[in-house]
């Protein structure tokens, strides 16, 4: 595998993780949109604790999906950073060794 192929793969993976982060962020917002209060439940459900359990579960799911979005964003940024570091190292090496093998 050449350096260019590897760098292209890092970029493609970074884009993919960024897209995953966006979809998870959208899903988290959609989950919060499902919030129901005691008014949307029956009195029995409220008395039996269903409203509190529902809200607790919804909060847990929305928060986990949001955390997944943050983690996917971090992965995307890390992959981009690794790619950029490879590019920087390559440029420095080219500059350092430029002309070394040229006949004098």
C-alpha atoms as a PDB file:
ATOM      1  CA  UNK A   1       0.000   0.000   0.000  1.00  0.00           C
ATOM      2  CA  UNK A   2       1.447   3.344  -0.977  1.00  0.00           C
ATOM      3  CA  UNK A   3       1.461   6.408   1.213  1.00  0.00           C
ATOM      4  CA  UNK A   4      -1.115   8.100  -1.042  1.00  0.00           C
ATOM      5  CA  UNK A   5      -3.478   5.133  -0.771  1.00  0.00           C
ATOM      6  CA  UNK A   6      -3.059   5.135   3.010  1.00  0.00           C
ATOM      7  CA  UNK A   7      -3.697   8.871   3.242  1.00  0.00           C
ATOM      8  CA  UNK A   8      -6.752   8.567   1.021  1.00  0.00           C
ATOM      9  CA  UNK A   9      -8.048   5.755   3.255  1.00  0.00           C
ATOM     10  CA  UNK A  10      -7.523   7.876   6.378  1.00  0.00           C
ATOM     11  CA  UNK A  11      -9.444  10.725   4.745  1.00  0.00           C
ATOM     12  CA  UNK A  12     -12.283   8.428   3.644  1.00  0.00           C
ATOM     13  CA  UNK A  13     -12.545   6.936   7.137  1.00  0.00           C
ATOM     14  CA  UNK A  14     -12.548  10.396   8.680  1.00  0.00           C
ATOM     15  CA  UNK A  15     -15.413  11.463   6.414  1.00  0.00           C
ATOM     16  CA  UNK A  16     -17.332   8.293   7.274  1.00  0.00           C
ATOM     17  CA  UNK A  17     -16.956   8.851  11.025  1.00  0.00           C
ATOM     18  CA  UNK A  18     -18.010  12.466  10.599  1.00  0.00           C
ATOM     19  CA  UNK A  19     -21.167  11.318   8.811  1.00  0.00           C
ATOM     20  CA  UNK A  20     -21.842   8.798  11.600  1.00  0.00           C
ATOM     21  CA  UNK A  21     -21.482  11.606  14.145  1.00  0.00           C
ATOM     22  CA  UNK A  22     -24.005  13.714  12.259  1.00  0.00           C
ATOM     23  CA  UNK A  23     -26.538  10.892  12.088  1.00  0.00           C
ATOM     24  CA  UNK A  24     -26.113  10.120  15.783  1.00  0.00           C
ATOM     25  CA  UNK A  25     -26.552  13.795  16.623  1.00  0.00           C
ATOM     26  CA  UNK A  26     -29.765  13.840  14.586  1.00  0.00           C
ATOM     27  CA  UNK A  27     -30.932  10.679  16.362  1.00  0.00           C
ATOM     28  CA  UNK A  28     -30.237  12.232  19.751  1.00  0.00           C
ATOM     29  CA  UNK A  29     -32.315  15.277  18.848  1.00  0.00           C
ATOM     30  CA  UNK A  30     -35.097  13.030  17.600  1.00  0.00           C
ATOM     31  CA  UNK A  31     -35.026  11.086  20.863  1.00  0.00           C
ATOM     32  CA  UNK A  32     -35.396  14.285  22.870  1.00  0.00           C
ATOM     33  CA  UNK A  33     -38.358  15.109  20.628  1.00  0.00           C
ATOM     34  CA  UNK A  34     -40.126  12.047  21.996  1.00  0.00           C
ATOM     35  CA  UNK A  35     -40.338  13.552  25.477  1.00  0.00           C
ATOM     36  CA  UNK A  36     -43.724  12.956  27.085  1.00  0.00           C
ATOM     37  CA  UNK A  37     -44.953  14.434  30.338  1.00  0.00           C
ATOM     38  CA  UNK A  38     -47.465  13.041  32.791  1.00  0.00           C
ATOM     39  CA  UNK A  39     -50.241  14.735  30.818  1.00  0.00           C
ATOM     40  CA  UNK A  40     -49.702  12.335  27.909  1.00  0.00           C
ATOM     41  CA  UNK A  41     -50.051   9.281  30.156  1.00  0.00           C
ATOM     42  CA  UNK A  42     -52.975   7.981  32.149  1.00  0.00           C
ATOM     43  CA  UNK A  43     -53.238   8.714  35.830  1.00  0.00           C
ATOM     44  CA  UNK A  44     -52.596   5.038  36.585  1.00  0.00           C
ATOM     45  CA  UNK A  45     -49.367   5.092  34.575  1.00  0.00           C
ATOM     46  CA  UNK A  46     -48.219   8.140  36.482  1.00  0.00           C
ATOM     47  CA  UNK A  47     -49.100   6.637  39.860  1.00  0.00           C
ATOM     48  CA  UNK A  48     -47.308   3.391  38.994  1.00  0.00           C
ATOM     49  CA  UNK A  49     -44.140   5.244  38.047  1.00  0.00           C
ATOM     50  CA  UNK A  50     -44.326   4.687  34.295  1.00  0.00           C
ATOM     51  CA  UNK A  51     -43.850   8.378  33.513  1.00  0.00           C
ATOM     52  CA  UNK A  52     -40.654   8.567  35.554  1.00  0.00           C
ATOM     53  CA  UNK A  53     -39.373   5.299  34.066  1.00  0.00           C
ATOM     54  CA  UNK A  54     -40.164   6.483  30.530  1.00  0.00           C
ATOM     55  CA  UNK A  55     -38.396   9.780  31.083  1.00  0.00           C
ATOM     56  CA  UNK A  56     -35.406   8.033  32.659  1.00  0.00           C
ATOM     57  CA  UNK A  57     -35.099   5.619  29.703  1.00  0.00           C
ATOM     58  CA  UNK A  58     -35.504   8.412  27.161  1.00  0.00           C
ATOM     59  CA  UNK A  59     -32.843  10.485  28.884  1.00  0.00           C
ATOM     60  CA  UNK A  60     -30.468   7.510  28.972  1.00  0.00           C
ATOM     61  CA  UNK A  61     -30.950   6.709  25.271  1.00  0.00           C
ATOM     62  CA  UNK A  62     -30.650  10.336  24.153  1.00  0.00           C
ATOM     63  CA  UNK A  63     -27.518  10.850  26.236  1.00  0.00           C
ATOM     64  CA  UNK A  64     -25.875   7.633  25.007  1.00  0.00           C
ATOM     65  CA  UNK A  65     -26.565   8.503  21.379  1.00  0.00           C
ATOM     66  CA  UNK A  66     -25.208  12.014  21.994  1.00  0.00           C
ATOM     67  CA  UNK A  67     -22.063  10.536  23.554  1.00  0.00           C
ATOM     68  CA  UNK A  68     -21.737   8.276  20.510  1.00  0.00           C
ATOM     69  CA  UNK A  69     -21.886  11.354  18.302  1.00  0.00           C
ATOM     70  CA  UNK A  70     -19.150  13.027  20.333  1.00  0.00           C
ATOM     71  CA  UNK A  71     -16.981   9.898  20.170  1.00  0.00           C
ATOM     72  CA  UNK A  72     -17.461   9.564  16.412  1.00  0.00           C
ATOM     73  CA  UNK A  73     -16.494  13.221  15.993  1.00  0.00           C
ATOM     74  CA  UNK A  74     -13.369  12.623  18.082  1.00  0.00           C
ATOM     75  CA  UNK A  75     -12.444   9.616  15.915  1.00  0.00           C
ATOM     76  CA  UNK A  76     -12.934  11.664  12.752  1.00  0.00           C
ATOM     77  CA  UNK A  77     -10.747  14.471  14.086  1.00  0.00           C
ATOM     78  CA  UNK A  78      -8.049  12.015  15.180  1.00  0.00           C
ATOM     79  CA  UNK A  79      -7.948  10.358  11.758  1.00  0.00           C
ATOM     80  CA  UNK A  80      -7.652  13.768  10.111  1.00  0.00           C
ATOM     81  CA  UNK A  81      -4.892  14.727  12.546  1.00  0.00           C
ATOM     82  CA  UNK A  82      -2.962  11.521  11.790  1.00  0.00           C
ATOM     83  CA  UNK A  83      -3.308  12.143   8.055  1.00  0.00           C
ATOM     84  CA  UNK A  84      -2.145  15.740   8.448  1.00  0.00           C
ATOM     85  CA  UNK A  85       0.853  14.602  10.499  1.00  0.00           C
ATOM     86  CA  UNK A  86       1.846  12.102   7.798  1.00  0.00           C
ATOM     87  CA  UNK A  87       1.583  14.838   5.167  1.00  0.00           C
ATOM     88  CA  UNK A  88       3.651  17.215   7.291  1.00  0.00           C
ATOM     89  CA  UNK A  89       6.325  14.562   7.981  1.00  0.00           C
ATOM     90  CA  UNK A  90       6.467  13.722   4.275  1.00  0.00           C
ATOM     91  CA  UNK A  91       6.922  17.391   3.319  1.00  0.00           C
ATOM     92  CA  UNK A  92       9.656  17.847   5.932  1.00  0.00           C
ATOM     93  CA  UNK A  93      11.472  14.715   4.732  1.00  0.00           C
ATOM     94  CA  UNK A  94      11.282  15.877   1.109  1.00  0.00           C
ATOM     95  CA  UNK A  95      12.687  19.268   2.082  1.00  0.00           C
ATOM     96  CA  UNK A  96      15.425  17.733   4.216  1.00  0.00           C
ATOM     97  CA  UNK A  97      16.615  15.333   1.533  1.00  0.00           C
ATOM     98  CA  UNK A  98      16.014  17.554  -1.496  1.00  0.00           C
ATOM     99  CA  UNK A  99      19.059  17.460  -3.708  1.00  0.00           C
ATOM    100  CA  UNK A 100      20.986  14.963  -1.570  1.00  0.00           C
ATOM    101  CA  UNK A 101      21.325  12.529  -4.440  1.00  0.00           C
ATOM    102  CA  UNK A 102      21.860  15.158  -7.113  1.00  0.00           C
ATOM    103  CA  UNK A 103      25.288  14.884  -8.784  1.00  0.00           C
ATOM    104  CA  UNK A 104      27.701  17.590  -7.673  1.00  0.00           C
END
